[in-house]
PDB file of all heavy atoms in Angstrom:
ATOM      1  N   SER A   1      55.359 -28.522 104.296  1.00  0.00           N
ATOM      2  CA  SER A   1      54.465 -27.699 105.114  1.00  0.00           C
ATOM      3  C   SER A   1      53.894 -26.510 104.356  1.00  0.00           C
ATOM      4  O   SER A   1      53.821 -25.417 104.895  1.00  0.00           O
ATOM      5  CB  SER A   1      55.211 -27.219 106.359  1.00  0.00           C
ATOM      6  OG  SER A   1      56.400 -26.532 105.994  1.00  0.00           O
ATOM      7  N   ASP A   2      53.506 -26.703 103.113  1.00  0.00           N
ATOM      8  CA  ASP A   2      52.821 -25.628 102.395  1.00  0.00           C
ATOM      9  C   ASP A   2      51.479 -25.349 103.050  1.00  0.00           C
ATOM     10  O   ASP A   2      50.769 -26.273 103.458  1.00  0.00           O
ATOM     11  CB  ASP A   2      52.580 -26.009 100.930  1.00  0.00           C
ATOM     12  CG  ASP A   2      53.868 -26.066 100.125  1.00  0.00           C
ATOM     13  OD1 ASP A   2      54.926 -25.746 100.686  1.00  0.00           O
ATOM     14  OD2 ASP A   2      53.803 -26.444  98.943  1.00  0.00           O
ATOM     15  N   VAL A   3      51.108 -24.084 103.119  1.00  0.00           N
ATOM     16  CA  VAL A   3      49.762 -23.705 103.553  1.00  0.00           C
ATOM     17  C   VAL A   3      48.833 -23.638 102.355  1.00  0.00           C
ATOM     18  O   VAL A   3      47.680 -24.046 102.407  1.00  0.00           O
ATOM     19  CB  VAL A   3      49.783 -22.345 104.283  1.00  0.00           C
ATOM     20  CG1 VAL A   3      48.370 -21.900 104.656  1.00  0.00           C
ATOM     21  CG2 VAL A   3      50.662 -22.424 105.518  1.00  0.00           C
ATOM     22  N   CYS A   4      49.360 -23.158 101.228  1.00  0.00           N
ATOM     23  CA  CYS A   4      48.538 -22.971 100.029  1.00  0.00           C
ATOM     24  C   CYS A   4      49.417 -23.072  98.795  1.00  0.00           C
ATOM     25  O   CYS A   4      50.470 -22.422  98.722  1.00  0.00           O
ATOM     26  CB  CYS A   4      47.847 -21.606 100.086  1.00  0.00           C
ATOM     27  SG  CYS A   4      46.848 -21.223  98.639  1.00  0.00           S
ATOM     28  N   ALA A   5      48.998 -23.862  97.830  1.00  0.00           N
ATOM     29  CA  ALA A   5      49.750 -24.006  96.576  1.00  0.00           C
ATOM     30  C   ALA A   5      48.905 -23.597  95.373  1.00  0.00           C
ATOM     31  O   ALA A   5      49.227 -23.938  94.237  1.00  0.00           O
ATOM     32  CB  ALA A   5      50.238 -25.439  96.416  1.00  0.00           C
ATOM     33  N   VAL A   6      47.814 -22.875  95.615  1.00  0.00           N
ATOM     34  CA  VAL A   6      46.916 -22.493  94.523  1.00  0.00           C
ATOM     35  C   VAL A   6      47.611 -21.630  93.469  1.00  0.00           C
ATOM     36  O   VAL A   6      47.417 -21.842  92.269  1.00  0.00           O
ATOM     37  CB  VAL A   6      45.658 -21.780  95.082  1.00  0.00           C
ATOM     38  CG1 VAL A   6      44.768 -21.282  93.950  1.00  0.00           C
ATOM     39  CG2 VAL A   6      44.880 -22.732  95.980  1.00  0.00           C
ATOM     40  N   PRO A   7      48.437 -20.628  93.852  1.00  0.00           N
ATOM     41  CA  PRO A   7      49.103 -19.822  92.813  1.00  0.00           C
ATOM     42  C   PRO A   7      49.931 -20.660  91.844  1.00  0.00           C
ATOM     43  O   PRO A   7      49.883 -20.443  90.631  1.00  0.00           O
ATOM     44  CB  PRO A   7      49.974 -18.864  93.632  1.00  0.00           C
ATOM     45  CG  PRO A   7      49.248 -18.722  94.933  1.00  0.00           C
ATOM     46  CD  PRO A   7      48.703 -20.087  95.200  1.00  0.00           C
ATOM     47  N   ALA A   8      50.674 -21.619  92.374  1.00  0.00           N
ATOM     48  CA  ALA A   8      51.466 -22.491  91.509  1.00  0.00           C
ATOM     49  C   ALA A   8      50.581 -23.403  90.669  1.00  0.00           C
ATOM     50  O   ALA A   8      50.920 -23.730  89.522  1.00  0.00           O
ATOM     51  CB  ALA A   8      52.429 -23.325  92.347  1.00  0.00           C
ATOM     52  N   ALA A   9      49.437 -23.814  91.218  1.00  0.00           N
ATOM     53  CA  ALA A   9      48.521 -24.673  90.475  1.00  0.00           C
ATOM     54  C   ALA A   9      48.047 -23.999  89.199  1.00  0.00           C
ATOM     55  O   ALA A   9      47.800 -24.664  88.186  1.00  0.00           O
ATOM     56  CB  ALA A   9      47.326 -25.053  91.350  1.00  0.00           C
ATOM     57  N   GLY A  10      47.897 -22.665  89.239  1.00  0.00           N
ATOM     58  CA  GLY A  10      47.497 -21.947  88.033  1.00  0.00           C
ATOM     59  C   GLY A  10      48.508 -22.094  86.919  1.00  0.00           C
ATOM     60  O   GLY A  10      48.144 -22.243  85.745  1.00  0.00           O
ATOM     61  N   VAL A  11      49.789 -22.075  87.274  1.00  0.00           N
ATOM     62  CA  VAL A  11      50.843 -22.227  86.264  1.00  0.00           C
ATOM     63  C   VAL A  11      50.802 -23.631  85.671  1.00  0.00           C
ATOM     64  O   VAL A  11      50.944 -23.813  84.451  1.00  0.00           O
ATOM     65  CB  VAL A  11      52.222 -21.929  86.882  1.00  0.00           C
ATOM     66  CG1 VAL A  11      53.336 -22.140  85.854  1.00  0.00           C
ATOM     67  CG2 VAL A  11      52.267 -20.495  87.416  1.00  0.00           C
ATOM     68  N   VAL A  12      50.586 -24.637  86.513  1.00  0.00           N
ATOM     69  CA  VAL A  12      50.487 -26.016  86.010  1.00  0.00           C
ATOM     70  C   VAL A  12      49.248 -26.168  85.134  1.00  0.00           C
ATOM     71  O   VAL A  12      49.287 -26.828  84.077  1.00  0.00           O
ATOM     72  CB  VAL A  12      50.449 -27.013  87.188  1.00  0.00           C
ATOM     73  CG1 VAL A  12      50.288 -28.439  86.663  1.00  0.00           C
ATOM     74  CG2 VAL A  12      51.707 -26.894  88.025  1.00  0.00           C
ATOM     75  N   ALA A  13      48.139 -25.550  85.538  1.00  0.00           N
ATOM     76  CA  ALA A  13      46.920 -25.609  84.727  1.00  0.00           C
ATOM     77  C   ALA A  13      47.151 -24.981  83.359  1.00  0.00           C
ATOM     78  O   ALA A  13      46.628 -25.467  82.342  1.00  0.00           O
ATOM     79  CB  ALA A  13      45.770 -24.914  85.448  1.00  0.00           C
ATOM     80  N   GLU A  14      47.926 -23.905  83.309  1.00  0.00           N
ATOM     81  CA  GLU A  14      48.298 -23.301  82.017  1.00  0.00           C
ATOM     82  C   GLU A  14      48.931 -24.341  81.101  1.00  0.00           C
ATOM     83  O   GLU A  14      48.607 -24.425  79.909  1.00  0.00           O
ATOM     84  CB  GLU A  14      49.331 -22.190  82.221  1.00  0.00           C
ATOM     85  CG  GLU A  14      48.828 -20.834  82.572  1.00  0.00           C
ATOM     86  CD  GLU A  14      49.975 -19.842  82.671  1.00  0.00           C
ATOM     87  OE1 GLU A  14      50.952 -19.980  81.890  1.00  0.00           O
ATOM     88  OE2 GLU A  14      49.919 -18.944  83.517  1.00  0.00           O
ATOM     89  N   GLN A  15      49.868 -25.106  81.665  1.00  0.00           N
ATOM     90  CA  GLN A  15      50.592 -26.079  80.849  1.00  0.00           C
ATOM     91  C   GLN A  15      49.647 -27.123  80.262  1.00  0.00           C
ATOM     92  O   GLN A  15      49.730 -27.474  79.077  1.00  0.00           O
ATOM     93  CB  GLN A  15      51.679 -26.777  81.677  1.00  0.00           C
ATOM     94  CG  GLN A  15      52.501 -25.895  82.591  1.00  0.00           C
ATOM     95  CD  GLN A  15      53.188 -24.744  81.886  1.00  0.00           C
ATOM     96  OE1 GLN A  15      53.411 -24.766  80.686  1.00  0.00           O
ATOM     97  NE2 GLN A  15      53.528 -23.709  82.649  1.00  0.00           N
ATOM     98  N   MET A  16      48.719 -27.621  81.100  1.00  0.00           N
ATOM     99  CA  MET A  16      47.824 -28.673  80.632  1.00  0.00           C
ATOM    100  C   MET A  16      46.847 -28.155  79.579  1.00  0.00           C
ATOM    101  O   MET A  16      46.539 -28.849  78.597  1.00  0.00           O
ATOM    102  CB  MET A  16      47.074 -29.297  81.800  1.00  0.00           C
ATOM    103  CG  MET A  16      47.973 -29.980  82.830  1.00  0.00           C
ATOM    104  SD  MET A  16      49.162 -31.151  82.113  1.00  0.00           S
ATOM    105  CE  MET A  16      48.059 -32.386  81.419  1.00  0.00           C
ATOM    106  N   VAL A  17      46.363 -26.932  79.763  1.00  0.00           N
ATOM    107  CA  VAL A  17      45.465 -26.340  78.762  1.00  0.00           C
ATOM    108  C   VAL A  17      46.228 -26.098  77.462  1.00  0.00           C
ATOM    109  O   VAL A  17      45.713 -26.360  76.357  1.00  0.00           O
ATOM    110  CB  VAL A  17      44.847 -25.034  79.294  1.00  0.00           C
ATOM    111  CG1 VAL A  17      44.124 -24.279  78.185  1.00  0.00           C
ATOM    112  CG2 VAL A  17      43.880 -25.344  80.437  1.00  0.00           C
ATOM    113  N   ALA A  18      47.461 -25.613  77.566  1.00  0.00           N
ATOM    114  CA  ALA A  18      48.273 -25.378  76.370  1.00  0.00           C
ATOM    115  C   ALA A  18      48.522 -26.672  75.607  1.00  0.00           C
ATOM    116  O   ALA A  18      48.490 -26.694  74.369  1.00  0.00           O
ATOM    117  CB  ALA A  18      49.604 -24.731  76.760  1.00  0.00           C
ATOM    118  N   ILE A  19      48.751 -27.755  76.335  1.00  0.00           N
ATOM    119  CA  ILE A  19      49.003 -29.043  75.685  1.00  0.00           C
ATOM    120  C   ILE A  19      47.777 -29.492  74.891  1.00  0.00           C
ATOM    121  O   ILE A  19      47.884 -29.917  73.733  1.00  0.00           O
ATOM    122  CB  ILE A  19      49.402 -30.098  76.738  1.00  0.00           C
ATOM    123  CG1 ILE A  19      50.805 -29.799  77.261  1.00  0.00           C
ATOM    124  CG2 ILE A  19      49.333 -31.514  76.156  1.00  0.00           C
ATOM    125  CD1 ILE A  19      51.171 -30.556  78.521  1.00  0.00           C
ATOM    126  N   VAL A  20      46.588 -29.398  75.494  1.00  0.00           N
ATOM    127  CA  VAL A  20      45.367 -29.799  74.789  1.00  0.00           C
ATOM    128  C   VAL A  20      45.138 -28.911  73.573  1.00  0.00           C
ATOM    129  O   VAL A  20      44.801 -29.403  72.485  1.00  0.00           O
ATOM    130  CB  VAL A  20      44.152 -29.739  75.741  1.00  0.00           C
ATOM    131  CG1 VAL A  20      42.847 -29.955  74.968  1.00  0.00           C
ATOM    132  CG2 VAL A  20      44.287 -30.788  76.841  1.00  0.00           C
ATOM    133  N   ALA A  21      45.317 -27.605  73.722  1.00  0.00           N
ATOM    134  CA  ALA A  21      45.128 -26.686  72.588  1.00  0.00           C
ATOM    135  C   ALA A  21      46.099 -27.006  71.462  1.00  0.00           C
ATOM    136  O   ALA A  21      45.715 -27.027  70.278  1.00  0.00           O
ATOM    137  CB  ALA A  21      45.301 -25.244  73.048  1.00  0.00           C
ATOM    138  N   ALA A  22      47.359 -27.276  71.810  1.00  0.00           N
ATOM    139  CA  ALA A  22      48.351 -27.609  70.785  1.00  0.00           C
ATOM    140  C   ALA A  22      48.006 -28.924  70.094  1.00  0.00           C
ATOM    141  O   ALA A  22      48.140 -29.050  68.863  1.00  0.00           O
ATOM    142  CB  ALA A  22      49.742 -27.692  71.420  1.00  0.00           C
ATOM    143  N   GLN A  23      47.564 -29.903  70.845  1.00  0.00           N
ATOM    144  CA  GLN A  23      47.183 -31.187  70.249  1.00  0.00           C
ATOM    145  C   GLN A  23      46.033 -31.026  69.263  1.00  0.00           C
ATOM    146  O   GLN A  23      46.047 -31.603  68.170  1.00  0.00           O
ATOM    147  CB  GLN A  23      46.806 -32.176  71.343  1.00  0.00           C
ATOM    148  CG  GLN A  23      47.982 -32.678  72.165  1.00  0.00           C
ATOM    149  CD  GLN A  23      47.555 -33.522  73.343  1.00  0.00           C
ATOM    150  OE1 GLN A  23      46.473 -33.334  73.904  1.00  0.00           O
ATOM    151  NE2 GLN A  23      48.389 -34.473  73.740  1.00  0.00           N
ATOM    152  N   GLU A  24      45.028 -30.255  69.654  1.00  0.00           N
ATOM    153  CA  GLU A  24      43.879 -30.075  68.763  1.00  0.00           C
ATOM    154  C   GLU A  24      44.242 -29.249  67.532  1.00  0.00           C
ATOM    155  O   GLU A  24      43.715 -29.488  66.440  1.00  0.00           O
ATOM    156  CB  GLU A  24      42.719 -29.435  69.528  1.00  0.00           C
ATOM    157  CG  GLU A  24      42.091 -30.359  70.553  1.00  0.00           C
ATOM    158  CD  GLU A  24      41.584 -31.667  69.940  1.00  0.00           C
ATOM    159  OE1 GLU A  24      41.021 -31.638  68.821  1.00  0.00           O
ATOM    160  OE2 GLU A  24      41.756 -32.721  70.574  1.00  0.00           O
ATOM    161  N   LEU A  25      45.138 -28.299  67.688  1.00  0.00           N
ATOM    162  CA  LEU A  25      45.623 -27.557  66.516  1.00  0.00           C
ATOM    163  C   LEU A  25      46.366 -28.489  65.561  1.00  0.00           C
ATOM    164  O   LEU A  25      46.162 -28.440  64.342  1.00  0.00           O
ATOM    165  CB  LEU A  25      46.542 -26.422  66.960  1.00  0.00           C
ATOM    166  CG  LEU A  25      45.862 -25.160  67.491  1.00  0.00           C
ATOM    167  CD1 LEU A  25      46.862 -24.295  68.247  1.00  0.00           C
ATOM    168  CD2 LEU A  25      45.242 -24.359  66.337  1.00  0.00           C
ATOM    169  N   GLN A  26      47.211 -29.345  66.113  1.00  0.00           N
ATOM    170  CA  GLN A  26      47.944 -30.279  65.261  1.00  0.00           C
ATOM    171  C   GLN A  26      47.014 -31.297  64.613  1.00  0.00           C
ATOM    172  O   GLN A  26      47.213 -31.672  63.451  1.00  0.00           O
ATOM    173  CB  GLN A  26      49.008 -31.006  66.083  1.00  0.00           C
ATOM    174  CG  GLN A  26      50.217 -30.162  66.423  1.00  0.00           C
ATOM    175  CD  GLN A  26      51.280 -30.998  67.112  1.00  0.00           C
ATOM    176  OE1 GLN A  26      51.083 -31.479  68.221  1.00  0.00           O
ATOM    177  NE2 GLN A  26      52.403 -31.192  66.446  1.00  0.00           N
ATOM    178  N   ARG A  27      46.008 -31.730  65.341  1.00  0.00           N
ATOM    179  CA  ARG A  27      45.059 -32.689  64.778  1.00  0.00           C
ATOM    180  C   ARG A  27      44.380 -32.101  63.538  1.00  0.00           C
ATOM    181  O   ARG A  27      44.153 -32.803  62.552  1.00  0.00           O
ATOM    182  CB  ARG A  27      44.015 -33.072  65.821  1.00  0.00           C
ATOM    183  CG  ARG A  27      43.131 -34.262  65.420  1.00  0.00           C
ATOM    184  CD  ARG A  27      41.883 -34.349  66.280  1.00  0.00           C
ATOM    185  NE  ARG A  27      42.149 -34.456  67.689  1.00  0.00           N
ATOM    186  CZ  ARG A  27      42.301 -35.607  68.354  1.00  0.00           C
ATOM    187  NH1 ARG A  27      42.237 -36.749  67.699  1.00  0.00           N
ATOM    188  NH2 ARG A  27      42.502 -35.606  69.664  1.00  0.00           N
ATOM    189  N   LYS A  28      44.054 -30.814  63.613  1.00  0.00           N
ATOM    190  CA  LYS A  28      43.332 -30.180  62.509  1.00  0.00           C
ATOM    191  C   LYS A  28      44.252 -29.725  61.382  1.00  0.00           C
ATOM    192  O   LYS A  28      43.896 -29.817  60.201  1.00  0.00           O
ATOM    193  CB  LYS A  28      42.523 -28.990  63.037  1.00  0.00           C
ATOM    194  CG  LYS A  28      41.662 -28.312  61.972  1.00  0.00           C
ATOM    195  CD  LYS A  28      40.641 -27.394  62.578  1.00  0.00           C
ATOM    196  CE  LYS A  28      39.784 -26.727  61.501  1.00  0.00           C
ATOM    197  NZ  LYS A  28      39.047 -27.728  60.685  1.00  0.00           N
ATOM    198  N   PHE A  29      45.445 -29.243  61.736  1.00  0.00           N
ATOM    199  CA  PHE A  29      46.266 -28.574  60.725  1.00  0.00           C
ATOM    200  C   PHE A  29      47.553 -29.310  60.360  1.00  0.00           C
ATOM    201  O   PHE A  29      48.183 -28.969  59.359  1.00  0.00           O
ATOM    202  CB  PHE A  29      46.611 -27.154  61.194  1.00  0.00           C
ATOM    203  CG  PHE A  29      45.399 -26.297  61.413  1.00  0.00           C
ATOM    204  CD1 PHE A  29      44.997 -25.949  62.687  1.00  0.00           C
ATOM    205  CD2 PHE A  29      44.645 -25.867  60.329  1.00  0.00           C
ATOM    206  CE1 PHE A  29      43.862 -25.170  62.893  1.00  0.00           C
ATOM    207  CE2 PHE A  29      43.509 -25.085  60.519  1.00  0.00           C
ATOM    208  CZ  PHE A  29      43.126 -24.741  61.805  1.00  0.00           C
TER     209      PHE A  29
END
């Protein structure tokens, strides 16, 4: 019965962006 999960979604979005950034850094370096 959550009314809103947007605050937590930001934390999950952080993880996904960090993963892509780390992958691209590893691809290059």
